Amino acid sequence: MNTYLSSSIKQFEYYKSLGDKTISLLTIEELKKTFNDDSNSIAIIVKHLAGNMLSRWTNFLSEDGEKAWRKRDDEFTDDFYSKADVLNSWNKGWTCLFEAIQPLAQNDLEQIIYIRNQGHTVTEAINRQMMHYAYHVGQIVFLGKLIKGNDWQSLSISKGQSKTYNKHKFEQDKSRKHFTDDL
């Protein structure tokens, strides 16, 4: 289970890095771009993720994950004025997450915590949040790719490069490590 915690932290770091890289490629205008009236911009997705992270991970082991002070509907109103504002929100959410998860120990994993009065083991809550964040980070990356078009810089294996990537990987000795260690 210690492997579970360290792997979870690495996964969260990986998803954060995908968002970091995408955000770094975009201007504030691009971060605020929507494709229709019902779509969310990257800035809005960032605001929602940060609100969720602050709510879920503040006093993670001792309070319900849906805090009374959270105003979820407001997370879908764009009030960012600069890219620095977007990044500040993004980093504030991730900092809260990492400060909550890094001190956890194996004996914490079966503890019951609540999200909207629904009980979860700590393991279940971590999994729930990881999948939620992966879903939204995927949206951020996809929107970034749409916005940048041909100017997009691939964050993974570029189209048509799988053989080269695999050749490089299979030239290395077998080893036990997290897939993000080579990124």
N, C-alpha and C. Protein backbone atom coordinates (compact mmCIF):
# COMPACT_ATOMS: atom_id res chain seq x y z
N MET A 1 0.81 -1.20 0.00
CA MET A 1 0.00 0.00 0.00
C MET A 1 0.85 1.26 0.00
N ASN A 2 2.07 1.17 0.51
CA ASN A 2 2.95 2.33 0.38
C ASN A 2 3.23 2.61 -1.08
N THR A 3 3.28 1.54 -1.89
CA THR A 3 3.43 1.71 -3.33
C THR A 3 2.22 2.44 -3.89
N TYR A 4 1.02 2.12 -3.38
CA TYR A 4 -0.19 2.79 -3.85
C TYR A 4 -0.08 4.30 -3.60
N LEU A 5 0.32 4.69 -2.42
CA LEU A 5 0.42 6.13 -2.11
C LEU A 5 1.46 6.82 -2.99
N SER A 6 2.64 6.23 -3.12
CA SER A 6 3.66 6.88 -3.93
C SER A 6 3.25 6.90 -5.40
N SER A 7 2.60 5.84 -5.87
CA SER A 7 2.12 5.81 -7.26
C SER A 7 1.03 6.85 -7.47
N SER A 8 0.14 6.99 -6.51
CA SER A 8 -0.93 7.99 -6.62
C SER A 8 -0.36 9.40 -6.71
N ILE A 9 0.61 9.67 -5.88
CA ILE A 9 1.25 11.00 -5.92
C ILE A 9 1.90 11.23 -7.28
N LYS A 10 2.59 10.22 -7.80
CA LYS A 10 3.22 10.35 -9.12
C LYS A 10 2.16 10.59 -10.20
N GLN A 11 1.03 9.91 -10.12
CA GLN A 11 -0.05 10.10 -11.10
C GLN A 11 -0.59 11.52 -11.03
N PHE A 12 -0.84 12.00 -9.82
CA PHE A 12 -1.32 13.38 -9.67
C PHE A 12 -0.28 14.35 -10.24
N GLU A 13 0.99 14.12 -9.96
CA GLU A 13 2.04 14.99 -10.51
C GLU A 13 2.03 14.96 -12.04
N TYR A 14 1.81 13.78 -12.60
CA TYR A 14 1.76 13.64 -14.05
C TYR A 14 0.61 14.44 -14.64
N TYR A 15 -0.58 14.31 -14.06
CA TYR A 15 -1.72 15.06 -14.58
C TYR A 15 -1.50 16.56 -14.42
N LYS A 16 -0.93 16.98 -13.31
CA LYS A 16 -0.61 18.39 -13.14
C LYS A 16 0.37 18.85 -14.22
N SER A 17 1.38 18.02 -14.51
CA SER A 17 2.37 18.42 -15.51
C SER A 17 1.75 18.56 -16.90
N LEU A 18 0.78 17.71 -17.24
CA LEU A 18 0.09 17.85 -18.53
C LEU A 18 -0.64 19.18 -18.60
N GLY A 19 -1.32 19.53 -17.51
CA GLY A 19 -2.00 20.83 -17.45
C GLY A 19 -1.01 21.98 -17.49
N ASP A 20 0.08 21.86 -16.73
CA ASP A 20 1.12 22.90 -16.72
C ASP A 20 1.63 23.16 -18.13
N LYS A 21 1.96 22.08 -18.83
CA LYS A 21 2.52 22.21 -20.17
C LYS A 21 1.51 22.84 -21.13
N THR A 22 0.27 22.43 -21.03
CA THR A 22 -0.75 22.99 -21.90
C THR A 22 -0.95 24.47 -21.63
N ILE A 23 -1.12 24.81 -20.37
CA ILE A 23 -1.33 26.22 -19.99
C ILE A 23 -0.15 27.08 -20.45
N SER A 24 1.06 26.54 -20.34
CA SER A 24 2.24 27.32 -20.72
C SER A 24 2.25 27.69 -22.20
N LEU A 25 1.56 26.91 -23.03
CA LEU A 25 1.55 27.15 -24.48
C LEU A 25 0.50 28.17 -24.92
N LEU A 26 -0.34 28.62 -23.98
CA LEU A 26 -1.51 29.42 -24.35
C LEU A 26 -1.47 30.82 -23.76
N THR A 27 -2.07 31.75 -24.46
CA THR A 27 -2.25 33.12 -23.97
C THR A 27 -3.50 33.17 -23.10
N ILE A 28 -3.71 34.26 -22.41
CA ILE A 28 -4.93 34.41 -21.61
C ILE A 28 -6.16 34.36 -22.51
N GLU A 29 -6.07 34.93 -23.68
CA GLU A 29 -7.21 34.90 -24.61
C GLU A 29 -7.52 33.46 -25.01
N GLU A 30 -6.49 32.68 -25.26
CA GLU A 30 -6.69 31.28 -25.62
C GLU A 30 -7.22 30.47 -24.44
N LEU A 31 -6.76 30.77 -23.25
CA LEU A 31 -7.25 30.07 -22.05
C LEU A 31 -8.73 30.35 -21.80
N LYS A 32 -9.21 31.50 -22.25
CA LYS A 32 -10.59 31.90 -22.03
C LYS A 32 -11.52 31.54 -23.21
N LYS A 33 -10.95 30.95 -24.25
CA LYS A 33 -11.72 30.64 -25.47
C LYS A 33 -12.75 29.52 -25.20
N THR A 34 -13.96 29.78 -25.68
CA THR A 34 -15.01 28.75 -25.68
C THR A 34 -15.41 28.47 -27.12
N PHE A 35 -15.96 27.29 -27.34
CA PHE A 35 -16.34 26.90 -28.70
C PHE A 35 -17.83 27.05 -28.97
N ASN A 36 -18.62 27.14 -27.90
CA ASN A 36 -20.05 27.45 -28.03
C ASN A 36 -20.56 27.90 -26.66
N ASP A 37 -21.82 28.27 -26.59
CA ASP A 37 -22.37 28.83 -25.35
C ASP A 37 -22.37 27.84 -24.19
N ASP A 38 -22.41 26.55 -24.49
CA ASP A 38 -22.47 25.55 -23.43
C ASP A 38 -21.11 24.96 -23.07
N SER A 39 -20.05 25.37 -23.76
CA SER A 39 -18.74 24.79 -23.48
C SER A 39 -18.00 25.60 -22.42
N ASN A 40 -17.05 24.96 -21.80
CA ASN A 40 -16.20 25.62 -20.82
C ASN A 40 -14.84 25.90 -21.43
N SER A 41 -14.28 27.01 -21.08
CA SER A 41 -12.91 27.33 -21.48
C SER A 41 -11.94 26.58 -20.57
N ILE A 42 -10.69 26.57 -20.96
CA ILE A 42 -9.66 26.00 -20.09
C ILE A 42 -9.63 26.75 -18.77
N ALA A 43 -9.76 28.06 -18.81
CA ALA A 43 -9.76 28.86 -17.57
C ALA A 43 -10.87 28.40 -16.63
N ILE A 44 -12.05 28.15 -17.17
CA ILE A 44 -13.18 27.69 -16.34
C ILE A 44 -12.90 26.30 -15.78
N ILE A 45 -12.35 25.42 -16.59
CA ILE A 45 -12.03 24.08 -16.10
C ILE A 45 -11.00 24.18 -14.97
N VAL A 46 -10.01 25.05 -15.13
CA VAL A 46 -9.02 25.28 -14.07
C VAL A 46 -9.72 25.77 -12.80
N LYS A 47 -10.61 26.71 -12.95
CA LYS A 47 -11.31 27.26 -11.78
C LYS A 47 -12.13 26.18 -11.07
N HIS A 48 -12.80 25.34 -11.86
CA HIS A 48 -13.57 24.23 -11.29
C HIS A 48 -12.65 23.23 -10.58
N LEU A 49 -11.55 22.85 -11.22
CA LEU A 49 -10.63 21.91 -10.59
C LEU A 49 -10.08 22.47 -9.28
N ALA A 50 -9.68 23.73 -9.30
CA ALA A 50 -9.14 24.35 -8.08
C ALA A 50 -10.19 24.37 -6.98
N GLY A 51 -11.42 24.73 -7.32
CA GLY A 51 -12.49 24.74 -6.32
C GLY A 51 -12.73 23.35 -5.75
N ASN A 52 -12.73 22.36 -6.61
CA ASN A 52 -12.92 20.98 -6.17
C ASN A 52 -11.76 20.55 -5.26
N MET A 53 -10.54 20.84 -5.69
CA MET A 53 -9.37 20.43 -4.90
C MET A 53 -9.36 21.09 -3.53
N LEU A 54 -9.64 22.38 -3.49
CA LEU A 54 -9.65 23.07 -2.20
C LEU A 54 -10.72 22.49 -1.28
N SER A 55 -11.86 22.18 -1.84
CA SER A 55 -12.94 21.61 -1.04
C SER A 55 -12.61 20.19 -0.58
N ARG A 56 -12.16 19.36 -1.49
CA ARG A 56 -11.92 17.95 -1.17
C ARG A 56 -10.73 17.73 -0.25
N TRP A 57 -9.65 18.51 -0.44
CA TRP A 57 -8.40 18.20 0.24
C TRP A 57 -8.13 19.04 1.48
N THR A 58 -8.89 20.11 1.70
CA THR A 58 -8.74 20.87 2.94
C THR A 58 -9.31 20.03 4.08
N ASN A 59 -8.50 19.80 5.11
CA ASN A 59 -8.91 18.97 6.25
C ASN A 59 -9.49 17.64 5.76
N PHE A 60 -8.78 17.03 4.85
CA PHE A 60 -9.20 15.83 4.12
C PHE A 60 -9.69 14.71 5.04
N LEU A 61 -8.96 14.44 6.11
CA LEU A 61 -9.31 13.31 6.97
C LEU A 61 -10.36 13.64 8.03
N SER A 62 -10.66 14.91 8.21
CA SER A 62 -11.52 15.27 9.34
C SER A 62 -12.81 15.99 8.99
N GLU A 63 -12.97 16.44 7.74
CA GLU A 63 -14.19 17.17 7.36
C GLU A 63 -14.75 16.60 6.07
N ASP A 64 -16.05 16.77 5.86
CA ASP A 64 -16.66 16.37 4.61
C ASP A 64 -15.95 17.08 3.46
N GLY A 65 -15.76 16.38 2.37
CA GLY A 65 -15.06 16.92 1.22
C GLY A 65 -15.82 17.98 0.45
N GLU A 66 -17.12 18.10 0.69
CA GLU A 66 -17.90 19.17 0.06
C GLU A 66 -18.13 20.23 1.13
N LYS A 67 -17.26 21.23 1.14
CA LYS A 67 -17.28 22.25 2.19
C LYS A 67 -18.45 23.21 2.01
N ALA A 68 -18.97 23.69 3.14
CA ALA A 68 -20.07 24.65 3.12
C ALA A 68 -19.66 25.95 2.42
N TRP A 69 -18.37 26.28 2.46
CA TRP A 69 -17.90 27.53 1.85
C TRP A 69 -17.70 27.42 0.35
N ARG A 70 -17.74 26.19 -0.19
CA ARG A 70 -17.54 26.04 -1.64
C ARG A 70 -18.77 26.57 -2.38
N LYS A 71 -18.54 27.33 -3.40
CA LYS A 71 -19.62 27.84 -4.26
C LYS A 71 -19.39 27.26 -5.66
N ARG A 72 -19.77 26.00 -5.83
CA ARG A 72 -19.46 25.26 -7.05
C ARG A 72 -19.99 25.96 -8.30
N ASP A 73 -21.22 26.48 -8.25
CA ASP A 73 -21.78 27.14 -9.43
C ASP A 73 -20.94 28.33 -9.87
N ASP A 74 -20.31 29.03 -8.92
CA ASP A 74 -19.46 30.17 -9.25
C ASP A 74 -18.17 29.75 -9.97
N GLU A 75 -17.82 28.48 -9.86
CA GLU A 75 -16.62 27.98 -10.53
C GLU A 75 -16.77 28.01 -12.05
N PHE A 76 -17.98 28.19 -12.52
CA PHE A 76 -18.25 28.19 -13.96
C PHE A 76 -18.49 29.60 -14.50
N THR A 77 -18.05 30.60 -13.73
CA THR A 77 -18.07 31.99 -14.15
C THR A 77 -16.63 32.46 -14.27
N ASP A 78 -16.27 32.94 -15.43
CA ASP A 78 -14.89 33.36 -15.68
C ASP A 78 -14.66 34.76 -15.13
N ASP A 79 -13.82 34.83 -14.11
CA ASP A 79 -13.44 36.13 -13.56
C ASP A 79 -11.93 36.31 -13.52
N PHE A 80 -11.23 35.57 -14.38
CA PHE A 80 -9.78 35.70 -14.48
C PHE A 80 -9.45 36.91 -15.36
N TYR A 81 -8.44 37.67 -14.93
CA TYR A 81 -8.01 38.84 -15.70
C TYR A 81 -6.68 38.62 -16.40
N SER A 82 -5.93 37.62 -15.93
CA SER A 82 -4.60 37.40 -16.51
C SER A 82 -4.25 35.92 -16.44
N LYS A 83 -3.25 35.55 -17.19
CA LYS A 83 -2.74 34.18 -17.14
C LYS A 83 -2.20 33.89 -15.74
N ALA A 84 -1.61 34.88 -15.10
CA ALA A 84 -1.11 34.71 -13.73
C ALA A 84 -2.25 34.34 -12.78
N ASP A 85 -3.43 34.93 -12.98
CA ASP A 85 -4.59 34.58 -12.16
C ASP A 85 -4.97 33.11 -12.35
N VAL A 86 -4.97 32.66 -13.59
CA VAL A 86 -5.29 31.26 -13.90
C VAL A 86 -4.28 30.35 -13.22
N LEU A 87 -3.01 30.66 -13.40
CA LEU A 87 -1.94 29.83 -12.81
C LEU A 87 -2.00 29.84 -11.29
N ASN A 88 -2.31 30.97 -10.70
CA ASN A 88 -2.42 31.04 -9.24
C ASN A 88 -3.52 30.10 -8.75
N SER A 89 -4.66 30.12 -9.39
CA SER A 89 -5.76 29.25 -9.02
C SER A 89 -5.37 27.78 -9.20
N TRP A 90 -4.81 27.46 -10.35
CA TRP A 90 -4.35 26.11 -10.67
C TRP A 90 -3.39 25.59 -9.60
N ASN A 91 -2.37 26.39 -9.30
CA ASN A 91 -1.35 25.96 -8.34
C ASN A 91 -1.87 25.89 -6.91
N LYS A 92 -2.79 26.76 -6.56
CA LYS A 92 -3.37 26.73 -5.22
C LYS A 92 -4.11 25.41 -4.99
N GLY A 93 -4.86 24.97 -5.97
CA GLY A 93 -5.57 23.70 -5.86
C GLY A 93 -4.62 22.52 -5.72
N TRP A 94 -3.62 22.46 -6.58
CA TRP A 94 -2.66 21.35 -6.54
C TRP A 94 -1.85 21.36 -5.26
N THR A 95 -1.48 22.54 -4.77
CA THR A 95 -0.73 22.62 -3.51
C THR A 95 -1.56 22.03 -2.38
N CYS A 96 -2.84 22.36 -2.34
CA CYS A 96 -3.73 21.83 -1.31
C CYS A 96 -3.77 20.29 -1.38
N LEU A 97 -3.91 19.76 -2.59
CA LEU A 97 -3.94 18.31 -2.79
C LEU A 97 -2.65 17.67 -2.27
N PHE A 98 -1.50 18.16 -2.72
CA PHE A 98 -0.24 17.53 -2.34
C PHE A 98 0.05 17.66 -0.85
N GLU A 99 -0.34 18.78 -0.24
CA GLU A 99 -0.14 18.93 1.20
C GLU A 99 -1.02 17.97 2.00
N ALA A 100 -2.14 17.56 1.43
CA ALA A 100 -3.01 16.60 2.10
C ALA A 100 -2.58 15.16 1.88
N ILE A 101 -2.14 14.84 0.68
CA ILE A 101 -1.86 13.43 0.35
C ILE A 101 -0.45 12.99 0.75
N GLN A 102 0.52 13.88 0.68
CA GLN A 102 1.91 13.47 0.94
C GLN A 102 2.14 12.94 2.37
N PRO A 103 1.46 13.47 3.38
CA PRO A 103 1.70 12.93 4.73
C PRO A 103 0.94 11.61 5.03
N LEU A 104 0.08 11.18 4.13
CA LEU A 104 -0.69 9.97 4.40
C LEU A 104 0.21 8.76 4.54
N ALA A 105 -0.23 7.83 5.39
CA ALA A 105 0.50 6.57 5.60
C ALA A 105 -0.45 5.41 5.30
N GLN A 106 0.12 4.24 5.21
CA GLN A 106 -0.65 3.05 4.89
C GLN A 106 -1.85 2.87 5.82
N ASN A 107 -1.68 3.14 7.10
CA ASN A 107 -2.78 2.94 8.04
C ASN A 107 -3.91 3.95 7.87
N ASP A 108 -3.73 4.97 7.04
CA ASP A 108 -4.80 5.94 6.74
C ASP A 108 -5.74 5.44 5.64
N LEU A 109 -5.30 4.50 4.82
CA LEU A 109 -6.00 4.16 3.59
C LEU A 109 -7.38 3.56 3.79
N GLU A 110 -7.62 2.90 4.90
CA GLU A 110 -8.94 2.31 5.15
C GLU A 110 -9.84 3.19 6.01
N GLN A 111 -9.31 4.34 6.42
CA GLN A 111 -10.13 5.29 7.19
C GLN A 111 -11.29 5.75 6.31
N ILE A 112 -12.43 5.98 6.92
CA ILE A 112 -13.60 6.46 6.19
C ILE A 112 -13.63 7.98 6.24
N ILE A 113 -13.76 8.58 5.06
CA ILE A 113 -13.98 10.02 4.95
C ILE A 113 -15.29 10.20 4.18
N TYR A 114 -15.80 11.42 4.18
CA TYR A 114 -17.10 11.66 3.56
C TYR A 114 -17.01 12.75 2.49
N ILE A 115 -17.75 12.54 1.44
CA ILE A 115 -17.97 13.54 0.40
C ILE A 115 -19.47 13.62 0.21
N ARG A 116 -20.05 14.76 0.59
CA ARG A 116 -21.51 14.95 0.57
C ARG A 116 -22.21 13.85 1.38
N ASN A 117 -21.64 13.54 2.54
CA ASN A 117 -22.16 12.53 3.47
C ASN A 117 -22.06 11.10 2.97
N GLN A 118 -21.43 10.88 1.83
CA GLN A 118 -21.23 9.52 1.32
C GLN A 118 -19.85 9.04 1.76
N GLY A 119 -19.82 7.93 2.50
CA GLY A 119 -18.57 7.40 3.01
C GLY A 119 -17.70 6.77 1.94
N HIS A 120 -16.42 7.05 2.03
CA HIS A 120 -15.41 6.48 1.14
C HIS A 120 -14.21 6.09 2.02
N THR A 121 -13.53 4.99 1.68
CA THR A 121 -12.22 4.82 2.27
C THR A 121 -11.32 5.88 1.67
N VAL A 122 -10.22 6.16 2.32
CA VAL A 122 -9.27 7.13 1.77
C VAL A 122 -8.83 6.67 0.39
N THR A 123 -8.60 5.38 0.22
CA THR A 123 -8.22 4.85 -1.09
C THR A 123 -9.29 5.16 -2.14
N GLU A 124 -10.54 4.92 -1.80
CA GLU A 124 -11.64 5.21 -2.73
C GLU A 124 -11.71 6.70 -3.05
N ALA A 125 -11.51 7.54 -2.05
CA ALA A 125 -11.56 8.99 -2.27
C ALA A 125 -10.42 9.44 -3.17
N ILE A 126 -9.23 8.90 -2.95
CA ILE A 126 -8.10 9.24 -3.82
C ILE A 126 -8.40 8.83 -5.25
N ASN A 127 -8.90 7.60 -5.42
CA ASN A 127 -9.23 7.12 -6.78
C ASN A 127 -10.30 7.99 -7.42
N ARG A 128 -11.32 8.34 -6.66
CA ARG A 128 -12.40 9.19 -7.19
C ARG A 128 -11.84 10.50 -7.71
N GLN A 129 -11.02 11.14 -6.90
CA GLN A 129 -10.48 12.44 -7.28
C GLN A 129 -9.49 12.32 -8.43
N MET A 130 -8.67 11.28 -8.43
CA MET A 130 -7.71 11.11 -9.51
C MET A 130 -8.42 10.98 -10.85
N MET A 131 -9.49 10.20 -10.89
CA MET A 131 -10.21 10.02 -12.15
C MET A 131 -10.92 11.30 -12.56
N HIS A 132 -11.45 12.03 -11.60
CA HIS A 132 -12.09 13.32 -11.89
C HIS A 132 -11.08 14.29 -12.49
N TYR A 133 -9.90 14.36 -11.90
CA TYR A 133 -8.89 15.29 -12.39
C TYR A 133 -8.35 14.86 -13.74
N ALA A 134 -8.17 13.55 -13.93
CA ALA A 134 -7.69 13.05 -15.23
C ALA A 134 -8.69 13.40 -16.33
N TYR A 135 -9.97 13.28 -16.03
CA TYR A 135 -11.03 13.62 -16.98
C TYR A 135 -10.91 15.08 -17.41
N HIS A 136 -10.77 15.98 -16.43
CA HIS A 136 -10.70 17.40 -16.75
C HIS A 136 -9.36 17.82 -17.35
N VAL A 137 -8.27 17.22 -16.91
CA VAL A 137 -6.98 17.53 -17.52
C VAL A 137 -7.00 17.08 -18.97
N GLY A 138 -7.62 15.95 -19.25
CA GLY A 138 -7.77 15.52 -20.65
C GLY A 138 -8.52 16.56 -21.46
N GLN A 139 -9.56 17.15 -20.88
CA GLN A 139 -10.29 18.22 -21.57
C GLN A 139 -9.37 19.41 -21.83
N ILE A 140 -8.58 19.78 -20.83
CA ILE A 140 -7.67 20.92 -20.97
C ILE A 140 -6.69 20.67 -22.12
N VAL A 141 -6.10 19.49 -22.14
CA VAL A 141 -5.13 19.16 -23.19
C VAL A 141 -5.82 19.15 -24.56
N PHE A 142 -6.99 18.54 -24.64
CA PHE A 142 -7.70 18.47 -25.92
C PHE A 142 -8.07 19.88 -26.42
N LEU A 143 -8.59 20.72 -25.51
CA LEU A 143 -8.92 22.09 -25.91
C LEU A 143 -7.66 22.84 -26.35
N GLY A 144 -6.57 22.65 -25.62
CA GLY A 144 -5.31 23.29 -26.01
C GLY A 144 -4.89 22.88 -27.41
N LYS A 145 -5.04 21.60 -27.70
CA LYS A 145 -4.68 21.08 -29.03
C LYS A 145 -5.58 21.69 -30.11
N LEU A 146 -6.87 21.80 -29.83
CA LEU A 146 -7.79 22.42 -30.79
C LEU A 146 -7.45 23.90 -31.01
N ILE A 147 -7.16 24.58 -29.93
CA ILE A 147 -6.87 26.02 -30.01
C ILE A 147 -5.58 26.27 -30.79
N LYS A 148 -4.54 25.50 -30.52
CA LYS A 148 -3.24 25.72 -31.16
C LYS A 148 -3.18 25.15 -32.58
N GLY A 149 -4.02 24.19 -32.89
CA GLY A 149 -4.02 23.62 -34.24
C GLY A 149 -2.66 23.06 -34.61
N ASN A 150 -2.16 23.48 -35.77
CA ASN A 150 -0.87 22.98 -36.24
C ASN A 150 0.31 23.45 -35.40
N ASP A 151 0.11 24.43 -34.54
CA ASP A 151 1.18 24.92 -33.67
C ASP A 151 1.26 24.13 -32.35
N TRP A 152 0.41 23.13 -32.19
CA TRP A 152 0.40 22.32 -30.96
C TRP A 152 1.71 21.55 -30.83
N GLN A 153 2.22 21.49 -29.61
CA GLN A 153 3.42 20.71 -29.30
C GLN A 153 2.97 19.48 -28.51
N SER A 154 3.14 18.30 -29.09
CA SER A 154 2.66 17.07 -28.49
C SER A 154 3.21 16.88 -27.08
N LEU A 155 2.37 16.39 -26.18
CA LEU A 155 2.76 16.14 -24.80
C LEU A 155 3.03 14.66 -24.55
N SER A 156 2.87 13.85 -25.59
CA SER A 156 3.13 12.42 -25.45
C SER A 156 3.80 11.93 -26.72
N ILE A 157 3.51 10.74 -27.13
CA ILE A 157 4.10 10.18 -28.35
C ILE A 157 3.42 10.85 -29.53
N SER A 158 4.18 11.53 -30.35
CA SER A 158 3.63 12.23 -31.51
C SER A 158 3.09 11.23 -32.53
N LYS A 159 2.11 11.69 -33.30
CA LYS A 159 1.56 10.85 -34.37
C LYS A 159 2.68 10.32 -35.25
N GLY A 160 2.59 9.03 -35.54
CA GLY A 160 3.56 8.41 -36.42
C GLY A 160 4.90 8.08 -35.77
N GLN A 161 5.02 8.30 -34.46
CA GLN A 161 6.30 8.09 -33.78
C GLN A 161 6.29 6.90 -32.83
N SER A 162 5.24 6.08 -32.86
CA SER A 162 5.15 4.95 -31.93
C SER A 162 6.28 3.95 -32.11
N LYS A 163 6.63 3.63 -33.35
CA LYS A 163 7.71 2.65 -33.59
C LYS A 163 9.03 3.16 -33.01
N THR A 164 9.34 4.40 -33.26
CA THR A 164 10.59 4.98 -32.76
C THR A 164 10.58 5.00 -31.24
N TYR A 165 9.47 5.40 -30.64
CA TYR A 165 9.35 5.45 -29.18
C TYR A 165 9.53 4.05 -28.59
N ASN A 166 8.82 3.07 -29.14
CA ASN A 166 8.90 1.70 -28.63
C ASN A 166 10.30 1.13 -28.81
N LYS A 167 10.93 1.41 -29.94
CA LYS A 167 12.29 0.93 -30.19
C LYS A 167 13.22 1.44 -29.09
N HIS A 168 13.12 2.72 -28.79
CA HIS A 168 13.95 3.30 -27.73
C HIS A 168 13.67 2.62 -26.38
N LYS A 169 12.41 2.40 -26.06
CA LYS A 169 12.05 1.77 -24.78
C LYS A 169 12.58 0.35 -24.69
N PHE A 170 12.46 -0.42 -25.78
CA PHE A 170 12.89 -1.81 -25.75
C PHE A 170 14.40 -1.97 -25.85
N GLU A 171 15.11 -0.89 -26.15
CA GLU A 171 16.57 -0.92 -26.13
C GLU A 171 17.11 -0.79 -24.70
N GLN A 172 16.26 -0.40 -23.77
CA GLN A 172 16.66 -0.22 -22.38
C GLN A 172 16.46 -1.53 -21.61
N ASP A 173 17.23 -1.69 -20.55
CA ASP A 173 17.06 -2.86 -19.69
C ASP A 173 15.72 -2.79 -18.98
N LYS A 174 15.16 -3.96 -18.70
CA LYS A 174 13.93 -4.01 -17.91
C LYS A 174 14.21 -3.42 -16.54
N SER A 175 13.25 -2.67 -16.04
CA SER A 175 13.41 -2.08 -14.71
C SER A 175 12.04 -1.81 -14.12
N ARG A 176 12.00 -1.66 -12.82
CA ARG A 176 10.76 -1.36 -12.11
C ARG A 176 10.78 0.11 -11.74
N LYS A 177 9.92 0.88 -12.40
CA LYS A 177 9.81 2.30 -12.09
C LYS A 177 8.48 2.81 -12.59
N HIS A 178 8.13 4.00 -12.18
CA HIS A 178 6.88 4.61 -12.62
C HIS A 178 7.08 5.14 -14.03
N PHE A 179 6.04 5.01 -14.87
CA PHE A 179 6.19 5.41 -16.27
C PHE A 179 6.55 6.90 -16.43
N THR A 180 6.24 7.70 -15.45
CA THR A 180 6.55 9.14 -15.55
C THR A 180 8.00 9.45 -15.23
N ASP A 181 8.77 8.48 -14.73
CA ASP A 181 10.16 8.75 -14.37
C ASP A 181 11.00 9.16 -15.57
N ASP A 182 10.59 8.77 -16.76
CA ASP A 182 11.35 9.09 -17.97
C ASP A 182 10.85 10.36 -18.68
N LEU A 183 9.83 10.99 -18.16
CA LEU A 183 9.26 12.15 -18.84
C LEU A 183 10.01 13.42 -18.48
